[in-house]
Structures are given as structure tokens and as C-alpha cells.
């Protein structure tokens, strides 16, 4: 039985019996699952490969985040080294190391 048919039967049952709590919960559950199936179908994620595709996308996103974090750490490391080198050059000039080179 398809979800649409089951939902139609539950709606008919609720209409005839006055809508008991169990019937209403079943209607909500079936409606939710039917809606989720439709959304996945519209997104093109209803086939058998969808789970694998999502896994690959998550892996790709994780790799991108790792690469971005590594690049940021490398940039900060180089910036700190450059600042320290400039500081040492400034100290050397201030102490007269330029006179020693002449």
C-alpha cells in the first residue's frame, strides 16, 4: 500500500470515527513521512545513491574546513615570524649594528 493510500484511509477513518488520538497520530506520522519523501524527490535525493552522495559531500566539506584551518595557521605562523624578524632588525639598527657592517 502506498503512503498516499494509507493516508487517505486514515483520514477516512478519522472522519468516520471522530478522530481518536491514535488515528490522529498515525495521520501526522504518515503525512510527515510523505512530505519528507516528496522533499527528497524534489531535491533529487530520493535514489539509492543519495546517502553515498551525502557522505561524500560531508567528507569534502570536512576536507575543505581542514584545509582552510591549515592555511590560516600557516598564515598566522608566517605573520608572527615576519613581525619577529622586523622587531629583531629594528633592535639591531637601534643598537648600532649598521655601523658594524660598514
N, C-alpha and C. Protein backbone atom coordinates (compact mmCIF):
# COMPACT_ATOMS: atom_id res chain seq x y z
N UNK A 1 0.85 -1.17 0.00
CA UNK A 1 0.00 0.00 0.00
C UNK A 1 0.89 1.23 0.00
N UNK A 2 0.57 2.15 -0.87
CA UNK A 2 1.35 3.37 -0.97
C UNK A 2 1.00 4.30 0.18
N UNK A 3 1.92 5.20 0.46
CA UNK A 3 1.70 6.14 1.57
C UNK A 3 0.46 7.01 1.35
N UNK A 4 0.24 7.40 0.10
CA UNK A 4 -0.92 8.24 -0.19
C UNK A 4 -2.22 7.51 0.14
N UNK A 5 -2.26 6.21 -0.21
CA UNK A 5 -3.45 5.42 0.07
C UNK A 5 -3.66 5.24 1.56
N UNK A 6 -2.56 4.96 2.27
CA UNK A 6 -2.65 4.80 3.72
C UNK A 6 -3.13 6.08 4.38
N UNK A 7 -2.62 7.19 3.93
CA UNK A 7 -3.04 8.47 4.48
C UNK A 7 -4.52 8.73 4.20
N UNK A 8 -4.95 8.40 2.99
CA UNK A 8 -6.37 8.59 2.66
C UNK A 8 -7.26 7.71 3.53
N UNK A 9 -6.84 6.48 3.79
CA UNK A 9 -7.63 5.59 4.66
C UNK A 9 -7.66 6.11 6.10
N UNK A 10 -6.53 6.61 6.57
CA UNK A 10 -6.50 7.15 7.93
C UNK A 10 -7.40 8.38 8.04
N UNK A 11 -7.41 9.20 7.02
CA UNK A 11 -8.28 10.39 7.03
C UNK A 11 -9.75 9.96 7.04
N UNK A 12 -10.08 8.96 6.25
CA UNK A 12 -11.46 8.46 6.21
C UNK A 12 -11.84 7.87 7.56
N UNK A 13 -10.91 7.14 8.17
CA UNK A 13 -11.16 6.56 9.49
C UNK A 13 -11.38 7.65 10.52
N UNK A 14 -10.58 8.69 10.47
CA UNK A 14 -10.73 9.80 11.42
C UNK A 14 -12.06 10.50 11.22
N UNK A 15 -12.48 10.63 9.98
CA UNK A 15 -13.76 11.29 9.69
C UNK A 15 -14.93 10.45 10.19
N UNK A 16 -14.83 9.13 10.05
CA UNK A 16 -15.95 8.27 10.44
C UNK A 16 -15.99 8.00 11.95
N UNK A 17 -14.83 7.89 12.58
CA UNK A 17 -14.78 7.55 14.00
C UNK A 17 -14.63 8.77 14.90
N UNK A 18 -14.52 9.92 14.36
CA UNK A 18 -14.40 11.11 15.20
C UNK A 18 -12.97 11.50 15.53
N UNK A 19 -12.01 10.84 14.99
CA UNK A 19 -10.61 11.24 15.15
C UNK A 19 -10.03 10.95 16.52
N UNK A 20 -9.83 9.67 16.82
CA UNK A 20 -9.19 9.29 18.08
C UNK A 20 -7.72 9.70 18.04
N UNK A 21 -7.13 9.79 19.21
CA UNK A 21 -5.74 10.24 19.32
C UNK A 21 -4.79 9.35 18.54
N UNK A 22 -5.01 8.04 18.59
CA UNK A 22 -4.13 7.12 17.88
C UNK A 22 -4.23 7.36 16.37
N UNK A 23 -5.43 7.57 15.89
CA UNK A 23 -5.63 7.81 14.46
C UNK A 23 -4.99 9.13 14.05
N UNK A 24 -5.15 10.15 14.86
CA UNK A 24 -4.56 11.45 14.54
C UNK A 24 -3.03 11.39 14.54
N UNK A 25 -2.48 10.64 15.48
CA UNK A 25 -1.01 10.48 15.49
C UNK A 25 -0.53 9.74 14.25
N UNK A 26 -1.27 8.74 13.84
CA UNK A 26 -0.90 8.00 12.62
C UNK A 26 -0.98 8.90 11.40
N UNK A 27 -2.00 9.77 11.36
CA UNK A 27 -2.13 10.71 10.25
C UNK A 27 -0.93 11.65 10.20
N UNK A 28 -0.56 12.18 11.35
CA UNK A 28 0.59 13.10 11.40
C UNK A 28 1.87 12.39 10.98
N UNK A 29 2.06 11.16 11.46
CA UNK A 29 3.27 10.41 11.11
C UNK A 29 3.33 10.12 9.61
N UNK A 30 2.25 9.65 9.05
CA UNK A 30 2.23 9.34 7.62
C UNK A 30 2.38 10.60 6.77
N UNK A 31 1.75 11.68 7.20
CA UNK A 31 1.88 12.94 6.47
C UNK A 31 3.33 13.43 6.50
N UNK A 32 3.96 13.30 7.65
CA UNK A 32 5.36 13.73 7.78
C UNK A 32 6.27 12.92 6.86
N UNK A 33 6.08 11.61 6.86
CA UNK A 33 6.92 10.76 6.02
C UNK A 33 6.67 11.02 4.54
N UNK A 34 5.41 11.21 4.18
CA UNK A 34 5.07 11.52 2.79
C UNK A 34 5.69 12.83 2.35
N UNK A 35 5.62 13.83 3.22
CA UNK A 35 6.21 15.14 2.91
C UNK A 35 7.72 15.04 2.78
N UNK A 36 8.36 14.30 3.68
CA UNK A 36 9.81 14.12 3.61
C UNK A 36 10.21 13.43 2.31
N UNK A 37 9.44 12.42 1.90
CA UNK A 37 9.73 11.74 0.63
C UNK A 37 9.60 12.70 -0.55
N UNK A 38 8.58 13.53 -0.52
CA UNK A 38 8.40 14.49 -1.62
C UNK A 38 9.53 15.52 -1.67
N UNK A 39 9.95 15.99 -0.51
CA UNK A 39 11.04 16.97 -0.47
C UNK A 39 12.32 16.34 -1.00
N UNK A 40 12.63 15.14 -0.55
CA UNK A 40 13.83 14.46 -1.05
C UNK A 40 13.75 14.23 -2.55
N UNK A 41 12.58 13.89 -3.06
CA UNK A 41 12.42 13.68 -4.50
C UNK A 41 12.64 14.98 -5.26
N UNK A 42 12.13 16.08 -4.74
CA UNK A 42 12.32 17.37 -5.41
C UNK A 42 13.77 17.81 -5.40
N UNK A 43 14.50 17.43 -4.35
CA UNK A 43 15.92 17.78 -4.27
C UNK A 43 16.80 16.81 -5.05
N UNK A 44 16.19 15.77 -5.60
CA UNK A 44 16.96 14.79 -6.35
C UNK A 44 17.72 13.84 -5.44
N UNK A 45 17.24 13.67 -4.22
CA UNK A 45 17.93 12.84 -3.24
C UNK A 45 17.11 11.60 -2.86
N UNK A 46 16.27 11.15 -3.76
CA UNK A 46 15.40 10.02 -3.43
C UNK A 46 15.91 8.69 -3.98
N UNK A 47 17.03 8.71 -4.69
CA UNK A 47 17.53 7.47 -5.26
C UNK A 47 18.43 6.74 -4.26
N UNK A 48 18.92 5.59 -4.67
CA UNK A 48 19.73 4.75 -3.78
C UNK A 48 21.11 5.35 -3.51
N UNK A 49 21.60 6.20 -4.40
CA UNK A 49 22.94 6.77 -4.24
C UNK A 49 22.95 8.01 -3.36
N UNK A 50 21.78 8.48 -2.94
CA UNK A 50 21.69 9.74 -2.19
C UNK A 50 22.51 9.69 -0.90
N UNK A 51 22.43 8.60 -0.17
CA UNK A 51 23.16 8.51 1.09
C UNK A 51 24.67 8.54 0.85
N UNK A 52 25.12 7.85 -0.18
CA UNK A 52 26.54 7.87 -0.52
C UNK A 52 26.98 9.27 -0.94
N UNK A 53 26.13 9.93 -1.74
CA UNK A 53 26.44 11.29 -2.18
C UNK A 53 26.55 12.25 -1.00
N UNK A 54 25.63 12.13 -0.06
CA UNK A 54 25.69 13.00 1.12
C UNK A 54 26.95 12.72 1.94
N UNK A 55 27.31 11.44 2.04
CA UNK A 55 28.54 11.10 2.76
C UNK A 55 29.77 11.72 2.10
N UNK A 56 29.80 11.66 0.77
CA UNK A 56 30.93 12.25 0.03
C UNK A 56 30.95 13.77 0.19
N UNK A 57 29.78 14.40 0.15
CA UNK A 57 29.72 15.85 0.34
C UNK A 57 30.19 16.25 1.73
N UNK A 58 29.81 15.49 2.74
CA UNK A 58 30.27 15.79 4.10
C UNK A 58 31.78 15.63 4.21
N UNK A 59 32.31 14.59 3.57
CA UNK A 59 33.75 14.37 3.58
C UNK A 59 34.48 15.51 2.88
N UNK A 60 33.95 15.95 1.75
CA UNK A 60 34.53 17.07 1.02
C UNK A 60 34.49 18.35 1.84
N UNK A 61 33.38 18.59 2.51
CA UNK A 61 33.25 19.77 3.36
C UNK A 61 34.23 19.71 4.53
N UNK A 62 34.39 18.55 5.12
CA UNK A 62 35.34 18.39 6.23
C UNK A 62 36.77 18.65 5.74
N UNK A 63 37.11 18.15 4.55
CA UNK A 63 38.44 18.37 3.98
C UNK A 63 38.65 19.86 3.70
N UNK A 64 37.63 20.53 3.18
CA UNK A 64 37.72 21.97 2.92
C UNK A 64 37.97 22.74 4.22
N UNK A 65 37.25 22.39 5.26
CA UNK A 65 37.42 23.07 6.55
C UNK A 65 38.81 22.82 7.13
N UNK A 66 39.30 21.59 6.99
CA UNK A 66 40.65 21.28 7.46
C UNK A 66 41.70 22.06 6.68
N UNK A 67 41.54 22.14 5.37
CA UNK A 67 42.49 22.88 4.53
C UNK A 67 42.45 24.36 4.88
N UNK A 68 41.26 24.90 5.10
CA UNK A 68 41.12 26.31 5.45
C UNK A 68 41.79 26.60 6.79
N UNK A 69 41.59 25.70 7.76
CA UNK A 69 42.22 25.89 9.07
C UNK A 69 43.74 25.80 8.96
N UNK A 70 44.24 24.87 8.16
CA UNK A 70 45.69 24.73 7.99
C UNK A 70 46.28 25.97 7.31
N UNK A 71 45.59 26.48 6.30
CA UNK A 71 46.07 27.68 5.62
C UNK A 71 46.09 28.87 6.58
N UNK A 72 45.07 28.99 7.39
CA UNK A 72 45.01 30.09 8.36
C UNK A 72 46.16 29.98 9.37
N UNK A 73 46.41 28.77 9.88
CA UNK A 73 47.51 28.57 10.83
C UNK A 73 48.86 28.89 10.18
N UNK A 74 49.04 28.48 8.92
CA UNK A 74 50.29 28.78 8.22
C UNK A 74 50.46 30.29 8.04
N UNK A 75 49.39 30.98 7.68
CA UNK A 75 49.46 32.43 7.51
C UNK A 75 49.82 33.12 8.83
N UNK A 76 49.18 32.71 9.91
CA UNK A 76 49.48 33.31 11.21
C UNK A 76 50.93 33.03 11.59
N UNK A 77 51.40 31.82 11.33
CA UNK A 77 52.79 31.48 11.65
C UNK A 77 53.77 32.36 10.88
N UNK A 78 53.53 32.55 9.58
CA UNK A 78 54.41 33.40 8.78
C UNK A 78 54.32 34.85 9.23
N UNK A 79 53.14 35.32 9.58
CA UNK A 79 52.98 36.70 10.03
C UNK A 79 53.74 36.93 11.34
N UNK A 80 53.67 35.97 12.25
CA UNK A 80 54.41 36.11 13.51
C UNK A 80 55.91 36.11 13.24
N UNK A 81 56.37 35.24 12.37
CA UNK A 81 57.81 35.22 12.04
C UNK A 81 58.25 36.55 11.41
N UNK A 82 57.42 37.09 10.53
CA UNK A 82 57.77 38.37 9.88
C UNK A 82 57.83 39.49 10.91
N UNK A 83 56.89 39.53 11.82
CA UNK A 83 56.89 40.57 12.86
C UNK A 83 58.12 40.43 13.75
N UNK A 84 58.45 39.22 14.14
CA UNK A 84 59.62 38.99 14.97
C UNK A 84 60.91 39.36 14.23
N UNK A 85 60.98 39.05 12.92
CA UNK A 85 62.16 39.41 12.14
C UNK A 85 62.30 40.93 12.06
N UNK A 86 61.19 41.63 11.82
CA UNK A 86 61.24 43.10 11.78
C UNK A 86 61.63 43.68 13.13
N UNK A 87 61.15 43.07 14.19
CA UNK A 87 61.50 43.52 15.53
C UNK A 87 62.99 43.35 15.79
N UNK A 88 63.54 42.22 15.38
CA UNK A 88 64.98 41.99 15.56
C UNK A 88 65.81 42.95 14.72
N UNK A 89 65.36 43.22 13.50
CA UNK A 89 66.07 44.18 12.65
C UNK A 89 66.02 45.56 13.29
N UNK A 90 64.86 45.94 13.82
CA UNK A 90 64.73 47.24 14.48
C UNK A 90 65.64 47.34 15.70
N UNK A 91 65.74 46.27 16.48
CA UNK A 91 66.62 46.28 17.65
C UNK A 91 68.07 46.39 17.21
N UNK A 92 68.43 45.65 16.17
CA UNK A 92 69.81 45.69 15.68
C UNK A 92 70.18 47.08 15.19
N UNK A 93 69.27 47.72 14.46
CA UNK A 93 69.54 49.07 13.97
C UNK A 93 69.66 50.04 15.14
N UNK A 94 68.80 49.88 16.11
CA UNK A 94 68.79 50.77 17.29
C UNK A 94 70.08 50.63 18.10
N UNK A 95 70.63 49.44 18.14
CA UNK A 95 71.87 49.21 18.91
C UNK A 95 73.13 49.53 18.11
N UNK A 96 72.96 49.89 16.85
CA UNK A 96 74.09 50.31 16.05
C UNK A 96 74.74 49.18 15.28
N UNK A 97 74.03 48.15 15.00
CA UNK A 97 74.61 47.05 14.23
C UNK A 97 74.91 47.47 12.80
N UNK A 98 74.27 48.51 12.30
CA UNK A 98 74.55 49.01 10.97
C UNK A 98 75.97 49.53 10.86
N UNK A 99 76.51 50.07 11.94
CA UNK A 99 77.89 50.57 11.95
C UNK A 99 78.89 49.43 11.81
N UNK A 100 78.55 48.27 12.32
CA UNK A 100 79.46 47.13 12.24
C UNK A 100 79.62 46.61 10.80
N UNK A 101 78.59 46.80 9.99
CA UNK A 101 78.63 46.32 8.62
C UNK A 101 79.46 47.23 7.71
N UNK A 102 79.68 48.45 8.13
CA UNK A 102 80.42 49.36 7.27
C UNK A 102 81.86 49.21 7.46
